[in-house]
N, C-alpha and C. Protein backbone atom coordinates (compact mmCIF):
# COMPACT_ATOMS: atom_id res chain seq x y z
N UNK A 1 19.64 -17.56 -30.57
CA UNK A 1 19.32 -17.57 -29.15
C UNK A 1 18.23 -16.52 -28.88
N UNK A 2 17.21 -16.93 -28.19
CA UNK A 2 16.11 -16.03 -27.85
C UNK A 2 16.25 -15.63 -26.39
N UNK A 3 16.27 -14.34 -26.15
CA UNK A 3 16.35 -13.84 -24.78
C UNK A 3 15.01 -13.21 -24.45
N UNK A 4 14.44 -13.66 -23.36
CA UNK A 4 13.15 -13.10 -22.93
C UNK A 4 13.31 -12.51 -21.55
N UNK A 5 12.72 -11.35 -21.39
CA UNK A 5 12.75 -10.68 -20.10
C UNK A 5 11.33 -10.59 -19.57
N UNK A 6 11.19 -10.88 -18.33
CA UNK A 6 9.89 -10.78 -17.70
C UNK A 6 9.94 -9.69 -16.66
N UNK A 7 8.91 -8.89 -16.62
CA UNK A 7 8.80 -7.86 -15.61
C UNK A 7 7.49 -8.10 -14.87
N UNK A 8 7.57 -8.09 -13.57
CA UNK A 8 6.39 -8.22 -12.74
C UNK A 8 6.24 -6.94 -11.93
N UNK A 9 5.01 -6.48 -11.84
CA UNK A 9 4.72 -5.24 -11.14
C UNK A 9 3.73 -5.50 -10.02
N UNK A 10 3.90 -4.76 -8.97
CA UNK A 10 2.99 -4.79 -7.84
C UNK A 10 2.05 -3.59 -7.99
N UNK A 11 0.77 -3.85 -8.10
CA UNK A 11 -0.22 -2.78 -8.20
C UNK A 11 -0.94 -2.68 -6.86
N UNK A 12 -1.02 -1.48 -6.33
CA UNK A 12 -1.65 -1.30 -5.03
C UNK A 12 -2.98 -0.56 -5.19
N UNK A 13 -3.89 -0.85 -4.28
CA UNK A 13 -5.17 -0.15 -4.27
C UNK A 13 -4.99 1.19 -3.55
N UNK A 14 -6.01 2.02 -3.59
CA UNK A 14 -5.88 3.40 -3.11
C UNK A 14 -5.53 3.53 -1.64
N UNK A 15 -5.95 2.57 -0.80
CA UNK A 15 -5.65 2.71 0.63
C UNK A 15 -4.38 1.97 1.04
N UNK A 16 -3.59 1.51 0.04
CA UNK A 16 -2.34 0.81 0.31
C UNK A 16 -1.18 1.60 -0.30
N UNK A 17 0.03 1.31 0.17
CA UNK A 17 1.22 1.95 -0.37
C UNK A 17 2.37 0.95 -0.35
N UNK A 18 3.34 1.17 -1.23
CA UNK A 18 4.53 0.33 -1.27
C UNK A 18 5.51 0.83 -0.21
N UNK A 19 6.06 -0.11 0.56
CA UNK A 19 7.04 0.26 1.59
C UNK A 19 8.24 0.93 0.95
N UNK A 20 8.64 2.04 1.52
CA UNK A 20 9.81 2.75 1.02
C UNK A 20 11.06 1.93 1.35
N UNK A 21 11.93 1.77 0.36
CA UNK A 21 13.19 1.07 0.57
C UNK A 21 13.07 -0.45 0.63
N UNK A 22 11.95 -1.00 0.16
CA UNK A 22 11.82 -2.47 0.17
C UNK A 22 12.87 -3.07 -0.75
N UNK A 23 13.48 -4.15 -0.31
CA UNK A 23 14.60 -4.71 -1.08
C UNK A 23 14.17 -5.44 -2.35
N UNK A 24 12.88 -5.81 -2.48
CA UNK A 24 12.44 -6.55 -3.66
C UNK A 24 11.44 -5.80 -4.53
N UNK A 25 11.01 -4.62 -4.11
CA UNK A 25 10.04 -3.85 -4.89
C UNK A 25 10.45 -2.38 -4.87
N UNK A 26 10.57 -1.80 -6.07
CA UNK A 26 10.96 -0.39 -6.11
C UNK A 26 9.71 0.49 -5.95
N UNK A 27 9.88 1.81 -5.80
CA UNK A 27 8.74 2.70 -5.55
C UNK A 27 7.67 2.67 -6.64
N UNK A 28 8.03 2.27 -7.86
CA UNK A 28 7.05 2.20 -8.95
C UNK A 28 6.35 0.84 -9.01
N UNK A 29 6.75 -0.09 -8.13
CA UNK A 29 6.10 -1.39 -8.08
C UNK A 29 6.80 -2.50 -8.85
N UNK A 30 7.97 -2.22 -9.44
CA UNK A 30 8.71 -3.25 -10.17
C UNK A 30 9.28 -4.24 -9.14
N UNK A 31 9.03 -5.53 -9.39
CA UNK A 31 9.49 -6.58 -8.48
C UNK A 31 10.84 -7.10 -8.96
N UNK A 32 11.79 -7.17 -8.03
CA UNK A 32 13.12 -7.69 -8.31
C UNK A 32 13.34 -8.93 -7.45
N UNK A 33 13.54 -10.06 -8.10
CA UNK A 33 13.79 -11.31 -7.38
C UNK A 33 14.87 -12.11 -8.11
N UNK A 34 15.73 -12.81 -7.36
CA UNK A 34 16.75 -13.64 -8.01
C UNK A 34 16.16 -14.63 -9.01
N UNK A 35 15.00 -15.19 -8.66
CA UNK A 35 14.38 -16.17 -9.55
C UNK A 35 14.09 -15.56 -10.92
N UNK A 36 13.69 -14.31 -10.96
CA UNK A 36 13.39 -13.66 -12.24
C UNK A 36 14.66 -13.40 -13.04
N UNK A 37 15.75 -13.04 -12.36
CA UNK A 37 16.99 -12.73 -13.07
C UNK A 37 17.68 -13.99 -13.57
N UNK A 38 17.37 -15.12 -12.96
CA UNK A 38 17.98 -16.38 -13.39
C UNK A 38 17.00 -17.23 -14.20
N UNK A 39 15.99 -16.57 -14.76
CA UNK A 39 14.95 -17.29 -15.51
C UNK A 39 15.58 -18.08 -16.66
N UNK A 40 15.17 -19.32 -16.80
CA UNK A 40 15.65 -20.18 -17.87
C UNK A 40 14.50 -21.07 -18.32
N UNK A 41 14.69 -21.89 -19.35
CA UNK A 41 13.59 -22.73 -19.85
C UNK A 41 13.01 -23.70 -18.81
N UNK A 42 13.72 -23.96 -17.74
CA UNK A 42 13.23 -24.89 -16.72
C UNK A 42 12.44 -24.19 -15.60
N UNK A 43 12.43 -22.89 -15.62
CA UNK A 43 11.66 -22.13 -14.63
C UNK A 43 10.18 -22.15 -15.01
N UNK A 44 9.33 -21.95 -14.01
CA UNK A 44 7.89 -21.92 -14.31
C UNK A 44 7.18 -20.98 -13.34
N UNK A 45 5.97 -20.61 -13.70
CA UNK A 45 5.21 -19.65 -12.90
C UNK A 45 4.84 -20.20 -11.53
N UNK A 46 4.58 -21.49 -11.44
CA UNK A 46 4.24 -22.09 -10.16
C UNK A 46 5.37 -21.89 -9.15
N UNK A 47 6.60 -22.17 -9.57
CA UNK A 47 7.76 -21.97 -8.69
C UNK A 47 7.94 -20.49 -8.36
N UNK A 48 7.75 -19.63 -9.37
CA UNK A 48 7.88 -18.19 -9.16
C UNK A 48 6.89 -17.70 -8.11
N UNK A 49 5.63 -18.11 -8.24
CA UNK A 49 4.62 -17.67 -7.28
C UNK A 49 4.90 -18.20 -5.88
N UNK A 50 5.39 -19.42 -5.77
CA UNK A 50 5.77 -19.97 -4.47
C UNK A 50 6.92 -19.16 -3.87
N UNK A 51 7.91 -18.83 -4.70
CA UNK A 51 9.05 -18.04 -4.25
C UNK A 51 8.58 -16.66 -3.79
N UNK A 52 7.72 -16.02 -4.59
CA UNK A 52 7.21 -14.69 -4.23
C UNK A 52 6.40 -14.76 -2.93
N UNK A 53 5.60 -15.77 -2.79
CA UNK A 53 4.79 -15.93 -1.57
C UNK A 53 5.68 -16.04 -0.34
N UNK A 54 6.75 -16.83 -0.45
CA UNK A 54 7.67 -16.99 0.69
C UNK A 54 8.39 -15.68 1.02
N UNK A 55 8.88 -15.02 0.00
CA UNK A 55 9.61 -13.75 0.21
C UNK A 55 8.69 -12.69 0.80
N UNK A 56 7.51 -12.50 0.20
CA UNK A 56 6.63 -11.42 0.61
C UNK A 56 5.88 -11.71 1.91
N UNK A 57 5.77 -12.98 2.29
CA UNK A 57 5.15 -13.26 3.60
C UNK A 57 6.13 -12.93 4.72
N UNK A 58 7.44 -13.06 4.46
CA UNK A 58 8.45 -12.69 5.46
C UNK A 58 8.62 -11.19 5.57
N UNK A 59 8.51 -10.50 4.44
CA UNK A 59 8.71 -9.05 4.40
C UNK A 59 7.71 -8.44 3.41
N UNK A 60 6.48 -8.18 3.86
CA UNK A 60 5.47 -7.65 2.94
C UNK A 60 5.91 -6.32 2.32
N UNK A 61 5.72 -6.17 1.01
CA UNK A 61 6.14 -4.93 0.34
C UNK A 61 5.12 -3.81 0.42
N UNK A 62 3.95 -4.07 0.96
CA UNK A 62 2.91 -3.03 1.03
C UNK A 62 2.41 -2.88 2.46
N UNK A 63 1.78 -1.75 2.70
CA UNK A 63 1.14 -1.50 3.99
C UNK A 63 -0.10 -0.66 3.76
N UNK A 64 -0.99 -0.69 4.72
CA UNK A 64 -2.21 0.12 4.64
C UNK A 64 -1.87 1.54 5.07
N UNK A 65 -2.27 2.50 4.26
CA UNK A 65 -2.05 3.91 4.61
C UNK A 65 -2.89 4.25 5.83
N UNK A 66 -2.35 5.07 6.73
CA UNK A 66 -3.16 5.49 7.88
C UNK A 66 -4.34 6.33 7.41
N UNK A 67 -5.45 6.15 8.08
CA UNK A 67 -6.63 6.94 7.74
C UNK A 67 -6.40 8.37 8.19
N UNK A 68 -6.85 9.34 7.39
CA UNK A 68 -6.67 10.74 7.79
C UNK A 68 -7.39 11.02 9.11
N UNK A 69 -6.74 11.77 9.94
CA UNK A 69 -7.33 12.14 11.23
C UNK A 69 -8.38 13.21 11.00
N UNK A 70 -9.59 12.93 11.43
CA UNK A 70 -10.63 13.94 11.28
C UNK A 70 -10.56 14.89 12.48
N UNK A 71 -10.87 16.13 12.22
CA UNK A 71 -10.87 17.14 13.28
C UNK A 71 -12.07 16.90 14.18
N UNK A 72 -11.88 16.91 15.49
CA UNK A 72 -13.04 16.73 16.36
C UNK A 72 -14.00 17.90 16.20
N UNK A 73 -15.27 17.57 16.23
CA UNK A 73 -16.27 18.62 16.12
C UNK A 73 -16.36 19.39 17.43
N UNK A 74 -16.36 20.69 17.33
CA UNK A 74 -16.47 21.53 18.52
C UNK A 74 -17.94 21.62 18.92
N UNK A 75 -18.20 21.63 20.22
CA UNK A 75 -19.59 21.77 20.64
C UNK A 75 -20.11 23.14 20.22
N UNK A 76 -21.41 23.24 19.98
CA UNK A 76 -21.96 24.53 19.57
C UNK A 76 -21.76 25.58 20.67
N UNK A 77 -21.52 26.77 20.23
CA UNK A 77 -21.34 27.88 21.18
C UNK A 77 -22.70 28.24 21.77
N UNK A 78 -22.75 28.55 23.08
CA UNK A 78 -24.03 28.94 23.68
C UNK A 78 -24.50 30.26 23.08
N UNK A 79 -25.78 30.35 22.93
CA UNK A 79 -26.38 31.57 22.37
C UNK A 79 -26.80 32.45 23.54
N UNK A 80 -26.35 33.70 23.52
CA UNK A 80 -26.72 34.64 24.59
C UNK A 80 -28.12 35.16 24.32
N UNK A 81 -28.92 35.14 25.37
CA UNK A 81 -30.28 35.68 25.24
C UNK A 81 -30.41 36.91 26.13
N UNK A 82 -31.22 37.82 25.70
CA UNK A 82 -31.47 39.02 26.47
C UNK A 82 -32.49 38.65 27.56
N UNK A 83 -32.02 38.59 28.79
CA UNK A 83 -32.89 38.18 29.89
C UNK A 83 -33.65 39.35 30.52
N UNK A 84 -33.37 40.60 30.06
CA UNK A 84 -34.02 41.77 30.66
C UNK A 84 -35.43 42.00 30.16
N UNK A 85 -35.75 41.54 28.98
CA UNK A 85 -37.11 41.76 28.47
C UNK A 85 -37.97 40.55 28.81
N UNK A 86 -39.23 40.83 29.20
CA UNK A 86 -40.13 39.74 29.55
C UNK A 86 -40.52 38.95 28.31
N UNK A 87 -40.79 37.67 28.52
CA UNK A 87 -41.22 36.83 27.41
C UNK A 87 -42.72 36.95 27.26
N UNK A 88 -43.19 36.84 26.10
CA UNK A 88 -44.62 36.95 25.87
C UNK A 88 -45.28 35.61 25.97
């Protein structure tokens, strides 16, 4: 008997993050789905991708990270000039 295990991982780009506590994806990106645990010779990737699409469209495992808030630029400070001396 040959036992094969498949692991699927979710890889995120730099401005995305995995939702904390997602029921189908752990913090390292490992995907957990009933279809994967019940994999048998009659299962196929087309069905798996359809299943994943349905699950993840209802509850997306990733989100876009908020952009860092930039500090507002302060207006330049006025420069004090000596008004007592005449200008040339």
